[in-house]
Each structure stands twice: as C-alpha cells, then as structure tokens.
Amino acid sequence: MSVERSHTAELSFEKKSGRTRTGCSWEAAAYRNAVQNFIHAVNVDSTSAEGLPVYRYTSDNLVLSGAEIGIGYVPARWPNWKIESSLAYVHASKTFEQMPPTRWRTELGWSRAKWGRMEQLYGRISVDCLADYSVVQLSLGARFSERLTLGIGAHNLLNTTYIPVLSLLKNLGIAEPGRNISLRLVLSL
C-alpha cells in the first residue's frame, strides 16, 4: 500500500456573544478533504478458526465533504444558564464502514463562579442523537477549596445499547458500556 495523503480546505464563520456573554452566538463550518490512498479495513465475508470475521486492509481515493452548524444562547435574565445545539454532516465519495453518521448534539449547562464556600460550580446535561441511537450524559461539580475539586458524571443515562462507528470493537459486535457513573476527586498537594 502507498502512503496516505490528504488535502483539506475548510471555511468557517462565527459570531460570539457580546462583552456581557449573554445573547446568541453561532458558528458554521464547511470542509472538503481529498484523501489519496485512504487506508481502511474491508470485511472479506469469511471467518477465522475462532469464528471471528476476517478483514483485509486496502486503500482507495476518497473525498469527504461536510458541514457543521451550531448555535448557543445565554439569556440576559439568567446569565448562569446556557443552551447549545449543533448539527454535523459528512458525505463521502465512496461508502466505507467507518463513515461518521449525521450527529445532532444539544447541551444545557449551568455555571456559577461562587456559592457559599464552593467555587466554579457547574452542571451540564447533553444529548447526542445519531441515526441508530441517542446518548444522554450528566455532569456536576465544584471546587471546594484551593486543594479540593469534586465532580460526578453519568454517561449513557438511558442505558442505551450502541456501538459507535469508529469503535475498534465494532467488528466484534461489542457495545459501549451501559449506564455508568464516575466520581472525580482532585486533591492538589
């Protein structure tokens, strides 16, 4: 196989909220990526002695074109709140297994600089919607002192069974973990 090379062009525009951080902001981007000798795995419709699918690596010329648009809003009346939403789309000149699907992401967030003894408080809930599944995530956290920060996160709150397109375990049919909770404790010494 030859060396993979790509040539990319991207054009983007954005409008940020004013000095007050409130109001509407948006961004839009479009790109084109021409890849020579794009290396990827192809299922050869065979199985190994262990019963696993067999793949071979090949290379093709490929053109990926895509766009992403996003909008955010911080209400002047409630400047601690923010909602953001984005839509991303990719089109390929040839079909391949690792083709990213259209993705719509929405996030509602809250933050506050200080509340009692706590600083840098935040809370976020986000939803990622793809053609085959949707995943909901939640995170909360705060800094309690110069040395202690605590956060908690919940990924895949609805316990959705899904396999991301770019998963290295996709070929084996192994899904991402179900609902999982993480606790983050940062102690600066």
C-alpha atoms as a PDB file:
ATOM      1  CA  MET A   1       0.000   0.000   0.000  1.00  0.00           C
ATOM      2  CA  SER A   2       1.093   3.544  -0.677  1.00  0.00           C
ATOM      3  CA  VAL A   3       1.379   6.352   1.837  1.00  0.00           C
ATOM      4  CA  GLU A   4      -1.926   8.024   2.772  1.00  0.00           C
ATOM      5  CA  ARG A   5      -2.031  11.746   1.884  1.00  0.00           C
ATOM      6  CA  SER A   6      -4.778  14.295   2.300  1.00  0.00           C
ATOM      7  CA  HIS A   7      -5.526  17.818   1.151  1.00  0.00           C
ATOM      8  CA  THR A   8      -8.073  19.737   3.192  1.00  0.00           C
ATOM      9  CA  ALA A   9      -9.852  23.038   2.752  1.00  0.00           C
ATOM     10  CA  GLU A  10     -12.106  24.482   5.454  1.00  0.00           C
ATOM     11  CA  LEU A  11     -14.150  27.643   5.680  1.00  0.00           C
ATOM     12  CA  SER A  12     -15.763  28.742   8.936  1.00  0.00           C
ATOM     13  CA  PHE A  13     -17.702  31.694  10.304  1.00  0.00           C
ATOM     14  CA  GLU A  14     -18.655  32.530  13.855  1.00  0.00           C
ATOM     15  CA  LYS A  15     -20.432  35.212  15.829  1.00  0.00           C
ATOM     16  CA  LYS A  16     -19.756  35.315  19.552  1.00  0.00           C
ATOM     17  CA  SER A  17     -21.929  36.842  22.253  1.00  0.00           C
ATOM     18  CA  GLY A  18     -21.015  40.393  23.224  1.00  0.00           C
ATOM     19  CA  ARG A  19     -18.968  41.538  26.208  1.00  0.00           C
ATOM     20  CA  THR A  20     -21.823  40.667  28.559  1.00  0.00           C
ATOM     21  CA  ARG A  21     -21.633  36.956  27.493  1.00  0.00           C
ATOM     22  CA  THR A  22     -25.415  36.959  27.066  1.00  0.00           C
ATOM     23  CA  GLY A  23     -27.386  36.667  23.877  1.00  0.00           C
ATOM     24  CA  CYS A  24     -26.985  34.456  20.850  1.00  0.00           C
ATOM     25  CA  SER A  25     -23.821  33.064  19.283  1.00  0.00           C
ATOM     26  CA  TRP A  26     -23.439  30.845  16.235  1.00  0.00           C
ATOM     27  CA  GLU A  27     -20.841  29.134  14.118  1.00  0.00           C
ATOM     28  CA  ALA A  28     -20.844  27.408  10.756  1.00  0.00           C
ATOM     29  CA  ALA A  29     -18.110  25.458   9.013  1.00  0.00           C
ATOM     30  CA  ALA A  30     -17.756  23.522   5.773  1.00  0.00           C
ATOM     31  CA  TYR A  31     -14.842  21.413   4.631  1.00  0.00           C
ATOM     32  CA  ARG A  32     -13.590  19.174   1.849  1.00  0.00           C
ATOM     33  CA  ASN A  33     -10.907  16.577   2.443  1.00  0.00           C
ATOM     34  CA  ALA A  34      -9.439  14.689  -0.539  1.00  0.00           C
ATOM     35  CA  VAL A  35      -7.538  11.623   0.648  1.00  0.00           C
ATOM     36  CA  GLN A  36      -5.228   9.665  -1.606  1.00  0.00           C
ATOM     37  CA  ASN A  37      -4.712   6.040  -0.596  1.00  0.00           C
ATOM     38  CA  PHE A  38      -7.176   6.154   2.314  1.00  0.00           C
ATOM     39  CA  ILE A  39      -6.325   3.007   4.299  1.00  0.00           C
ATOM     40  CA  HIS A  40      -9.244   1.076   5.752  1.00  0.00           C
ATOM     41  CA  ALA A  41     -10.334  -2.457   6.670  1.00  0.00           C
ATOM     42  CA  VAL A  42     -12.761  -4.386   4.459  1.00  0.00           C
ATOM     43  CA  ASN A  43     -14.705  -7.465   5.557  1.00  0.00           C
ATOM     44  CA  VAL A  44     -13.819 -10.370   3.243  1.00  0.00           C
ATOM     45  CA  ASP A  45     -17.002 -12.325   4.155  1.00  0.00           C
ATOM     46  CA  SER A  46     -15.017 -15.041   5.871  1.00  0.00           C
ATOM     47  CA  THR A  47     -14.456 -16.119   9.452  1.00  0.00           C
ATOM     48  CA  SER A  48     -11.344 -17.202  11.315  1.00  0.00           C
ATOM     49  CA  ALA A  49     -10.926 -20.564  13.077  1.00  0.00           C
ATOM     50  CA  GLU A  50     -12.202 -18.787  16.238  1.00  0.00           C
ATOM     51  CA  GLY A  51     -15.365 -17.700  14.410  1.00  0.00           C
ATOM     52  CA  LEU A  52     -14.405 -14.031  14.166  1.00  0.00           C
ATOM     53  CA  PRO A  53     -14.871 -12.006  10.960  1.00  0.00           C
ATOM     54  CA  VAL A  54     -11.802 -11.666   8.757  1.00  0.00           C
ATOM     55  CA  TYR A  55     -10.756  -8.270   7.395  1.00  0.00           C
ATOM     56  CA  ARG A  56      -8.080  -7.139   4.987  1.00  0.00           C
ATOM     57  CA  TYR A  57      -6.615  -3.688   4.673  1.00  0.00           C
ATOM     58  CA  THR A  58      -6.967  -1.835   1.401  1.00  0.00           C
ATOM     59  CA  SER A  59      -6.623   1.712   0.187  1.00  0.00           C
ATOM     60  CA  ASP A  60      -8.842   3.895  -2.003  1.00  0.00           C
ATOM     61  CA  ASN A  61      -9.001   7.509  -3.048  1.00  0.00           C
ATOM     62  CA  LEU A  62     -11.745   9.225  -1.094  1.00  0.00           C
ATOM     63  CA  VAL A  63     -13.291  12.676  -0.842  1.00  0.00           C
ATOM     64  CA  LEU A  64     -15.030  13.662   2.396  1.00  0.00           C
ATOM     65  CA  SER A  65     -17.199  16.781   2.389  1.00  0.00           C
ATOM     66  CA  GLY A  66     -19.021  18.010   5.430  1.00  0.00           C
ATOM     67  CA  ALA A  67     -20.561  20.823   7.361  1.00  0.00           C
ATOM     68  CA  GLU A  68     -21.327  21.704  10.952  1.00  0.00           C
ATOM     69  CA  ILE A  69     -23.600  24.402  12.263  1.00  0.00           C
ATOM     70  CA  GLY A  70     -24.069  25.364  15.879  1.00  0.00           C
ATOM     71  CA  ILE A  71     -25.980  27.896  17.899  1.00  0.00           C
ATOM     72  CA  GLY A  72     -25.753  28.926  21.537  1.00  0.00           C
ATOM     73  CA  TYR A  73     -27.867  31.156  23.731  1.00  0.00           C
ATOM     74  CA  VAL A  74     -27.288  32.725  27.164  1.00  0.00           C
ATOM     75  CA  PRO A  75     -30.381  34.564  28.439  1.00  0.00           C
ATOM     76  CA  ALA A  76     -29.703  38.052  29.807  1.00  0.00           C
ATOM     77  CA  ARG A  77     -32.167  37.398  32.618  1.00  0.00           C
ATOM     78  CA  TRP A  78     -30.405  34.149  33.674  1.00  0.00           C
ATOM     79  CA  PRO A  79     -26.746  34.559  32.654  1.00  0.00           C
ATOM     80  CA  ASN A  80     -25.703  31.387  34.528  1.00  0.00           C
ATOM     81  CA  TRP A  81     -27.615  29.246  32.028  1.00  0.00           C
ATOM     82  CA  LYS A  82     -26.570  28.327  28.508  1.00  0.00           C
ATOM     83  CA  ILE A  83     -28.064  26.132  25.794  1.00  0.00           C
ATOM     84  CA  GLU A  84     -26.106  24.978  22.773  1.00  0.00           C
ATOM     85  CA  SER A  85     -27.048  22.824  19.822  1.00  0.00           C
ATOM     86  CA  SER A  86     -25.079  21.642  16.799  1.00  0.00           C
ATOM     87  CA  LEU A  87     -25.623  19.517  13.717  1.00  0.00           C
ATOM     88  CA  ALA A  88     -22.759  17.784  11.866  1.00  0.00           C
ATOM     89  CA  TYR A  89     -22.990  16.050   8.480  1.00  0.00           C
ATOM     90  CA  VAL A  90     -20.370  14.196   6.406  1.00  0.00           C
ATOM     91  CA  HIS A  91     -20.659  12.931   2.825  1.00  0.00           C
ATOM     92  CA  ALA A  92     -18.122  10.540   1.275  1.00  0.00           C
ATOM     93  CA  SER A  93     -17.454   9.864  -2.402  1.00  0.00           C
ATOM     94  CA  LYS A  94     -17.424   6.122  -1.563  1.00  0.00           C
ATOM     95  CA  THR A  95     -19.193   4.129   1.133  1.00  0.00           C
ATOM     96  CA  PHE A  96     -16.965   2.715   3.876  1.00  0.00           C
ATOM     97  CA  GLU A  97     -17.653   1.155   7.273  1.00  0.00           C
ATOM     98  CA  GLN A  98     -16.144   3.947   9.372  1.00  0.00           C
ATOM     99  CA  MET A  99     -18.345   6.641   7.797  1.00  0.00           C
ATOM    100  CA  PRO A 100     -19.488   9.012  10.582  1.00  0.00           C
ATOM    101  CA  PRO A 101     -23.278   9.392  10.710  1.00  0.00           C
ATOM    102  CA  THR A 102     -25.114  12.699  10.929  1.00  0.00           C
ATOM    103  CA  ARG A 103     -24.985  13.871  14.545  1.00  0.00           C
ATOM    104  CA  TRP A 104     -27.158  16.334  16.437  1.00  0.00           C
ATOM    105  CA  ARG A 105     -25.927  17.397  19.884  1.00  0.00           C
ATOM    106  CA  THR A 106     -27.750  19.580  22.392  1.00  0.00           C
ATOM    107  CA  GLU A 107     -26.419  20.680  25.773  1.00  0.00           C
ATOM    108  CA  LEU A 108     -27.980  22.629  28.622  1.00  0.00           C
ATOM    109  CA  GLY A 109     -25.473  23.979  31.119  1.00  0.00           C
ATOM    110  CA  TRP A 110     -25.376  25.996  34.300  1.00  0.00           C
ATOM    111  CA  SER A 111     -22.366  27.595  35.969  1.00  0.00           C
ATOM    112  CA  ARG A 112     -21.710  29.913  38.865  1.00  0.00           C
ATOM    113  CA  ALA A 113     -18.450  31.494  39.966  1.00  0.00           C
ATOM    114  CA  LYS A 114     -19.163  31.210  43.701  1.00  0.00           C
ATOM    115  CA  TRP A 115     -21.837  29.887  46.008  1.00  0.00           C
ATOM    116  CA  GLY A 116     -21.109  29.842  49.723  1.00  0.00           C
ATOM    117  CA  ARG A 117     -17.706  28.151  50.133  1.00  0.00           C
ATOM    118  CA  MET A 118     -17.864  26.485  46.728  1.00  0.00           C
ATOM    119  CA  GLU A 119     -16.322  27.975  43.567  1.00  0.00           C
ATOM    120  CA  GLN A 120     -16.510  27.189  39.856  1.00  0.00           C
ATOM    121  CA  LEU A 121     -19.785  25.286  40.163  1.00  0.00           C
ATOM    122  CA  TYR A 122     -21.169  23.666  37.024  1.00  0.00           C
ATOM    123  CA  GLY A 123     -23.887  21.338  35.850  1.00  0.00           C
ATOM    124  CA  ARG A 124     -24.490  20.029  32.329  1.00  0.00           C
ATOM    125  CA  ILE A 125     -26.838  17.661  30.587  1.00  0.00           C
ATOM    126  CA  SER A 126     -26.256  16.740  26.973  1.00  0.00           C
ATOM    127  CA  VAL A 127     -27.954  14.579  24.365  1.00  0.00           C
ATOM    128  CA  ASP A 128     -26.184  13.152  21.311  1.00  0.00           C
ATOM    129  CA  CYS A 129     -28.636  11.973  18.637  1.00  0.00           C
ATOM    130  CA  LEU A 130     -27.446   9.773  15.777  1.00  0.00           C
ATOM    131  CA  ALA A 131     -29.410   7.698  13.279  1.00  0.00           C
ATOM    132  CA  ASP A 132     -29.246   4.485  15.329  1.00  0.00           C
ATOM    133  CA  TYR A 133     -29.113   5.709  18.918  1.00  0.00           C
ATOM    134  CA  SER A 134     -29.134   8.622  21.351  1.00  0.00           C
ATOM    135  CA  VAL A 135     -26.926   9.022  24.418  1.00  0.00           C
ATOM    136  CA  VAL A 136     -27.663  11.271  27.418  1.00  0.00           C
ATOM    137  CA  GLN A 137     -24.915  12.474  29.773  1.00  0.00           C
ATOM    138  CA  LEU A 138     -24.994  14.480  33.005  1.00  0.00           C
ATOM    139  CA  SER A 139     -22.159  16.090  34.959  1.00  0.00           C
ATOM    140  CA  LEU A 140     -21.965  18.216  38.124  1.00  0.00           C
ATOM    141  CA  GLY A 141     -19.022  19.600  40.019  1.00  0.00           C
ATOM    142  CA  ALA A 142     -17.428  22.350  42.086  1.00  0.00           C
ATOM    143  CA  ARG A 143     -14.165  23.438  43.669  1.00  0.00           C
ATOM    144  CA  PHE A 144     -14.449  23.312  47.464  1.00  0.00           C
ATOM    145  CA  SER A 145     -11.063  24.803  48.319  1.00  0.00           C
ATOM    146  CA  GLU A 146      -7.740  25.649  46.686  1.00  0.00           C
ATOM    147  CA  ARG A 147      -6.831  21.977  47.082  1.00  0.00           C
ATOM    148  CA  LEU A 148     -10.107  20.088  46.577  1.00  0.00           C
ATOM    149  CA  THR A 149     -12.304  19.749  43.476  1.00  0.00           C
ATOM    150  CA  LEU A 150     -15.147  17.254  43.262  1.00  0.00           C
ATOM    151  CA  GLY A 151     -17.227  16.185  40.278  1.00  0.00           C
ATOM    152  CA  ILE A 152     -19.706  13.470  39.365  1.00  0.00           C
ATOM    153  CA  GLY A 153     -20.731  12.328  35.922  1.00  0.00           C
ATOM    154  CA  ALA A 154     -23.263   9.924  34.485  1.00  0.00           C
ATOM    155  CA  HIS A 155     -22.687   8.662  30.959  1.00  0.00           C
ATOM    156  CA  ASN A 156     -25.375   6.871  28.958  1.00  0.00           C
ATOM    157  CA  LEU A 157     -28.103   7.701  31.483  1.00  0.00           C
ATOM    158  CA  LEU A 158     -30.802   5.856  29.482  1.00  0.00           C
ATOM    159  CA  ASN A 159     -28.663   2.685  29.361  1.00  0.00           C
ATOM    160  CA  THR A 160     -28.714   2.614  25.552  1.00  0.00           C
ATOM    161  CA  THR A 161     -27.010  -0.299  23.784  1.00  0.00           C
ATOM    162  CA  TYR A 162     -24.891   1.115  20.969  1.00  0.00           C
ATOM    163  CA  ILE A 163     -21.668   0.641  19.028  1.00  0.00           C
ATOM    164  CA  PRO A 164     -20.012   3.841  17.760  1.00  0.00           C
ATOM    165  CA  VAL A 165     -18.970   3.867  14.116  1.00  0.00           C
ATOM    166  CA  LEU A 166     -15.304   4.433  14.995  1.00  0.00           C
ATOM    167  CA  SER A 167     -15.187   1.787  17.751  1.00  0.00           C
ATOM    168  CA  LEU A 168     -12.237  -0.599  17.468  1.00  0.00           C
ATOM    169  CA  LEU A 169     -14.538  -3.288  18.890  1.00  0.00           C
ATOM    170  CA  LYS A 170     -17.324  -2.752  16.315  1.00  0.00           C
ATOM    171  CA  ASN A 171     -16.197  -5.688  14.185  1.00  0.00           C
ATOM    172  CA  LEU A 172     -16.594  -7.972  17.185  1.00  0.00           C
ATOM    173  CA  GLY A 173     -20.096  -6.661  17.953  1.00  0.00           C
ATOM    174  CA  ILE A 174     -19.050  -5.383  21.383  1.00  0.00           C
ATOM    175  CA  ALA A 175     -21.208  -2.459  22.527  1.00  0.00           C
ATOM    176  CA  GLU A 176     -20.144   0.503  24.640  1.00  0.00           C
ATOM    177  CA  PRO A 177     -20.736   0.216  28.401  1.00  0.00           C
ATOM    178  CA  GLY A 178     -24.253   0.794  29.638  1.00  0.00           C
ATOM    179  CA  ARG A 179     -25.102   3.436  32.202  1.00  0.00           C
ATOM    180  CA  ASN A 180     -22.007   4.305  34.187  1.00  0.00           C
ATOM    181  CA  ILE A 181     -21.290   6.773  36.959  1.00  0.00           C
ATOM    182  CA  SER A 182     -17.914   8.347  37.610  1.00  0.00           C
ATOM    183  CA  LEU A 183     -16.667  10.312  40.581  1.00  0.00           C
ATOM    184  CA  ARG A 184     -13.771  12.732  40.120  1.00  0.00           C
ATOM    185  CA  LEU A 185     -11.805  13.873  43.123  1.00  0.00           C
ATOM    186  CA  VAL A 186      -8.847  16.204  42.600  1.00  0.00           C
ATOM    187  CA  LEU A 187      -6.657  16.839  45.599  1.00  0.00           C
ATOM    188  CA  SER A 188      -3.768  19.240  44.937  1.00  0.00           C
ATOM    189  CA  LEU A 189      -0.832  18.586  47.181  1.00  0.00           C
END
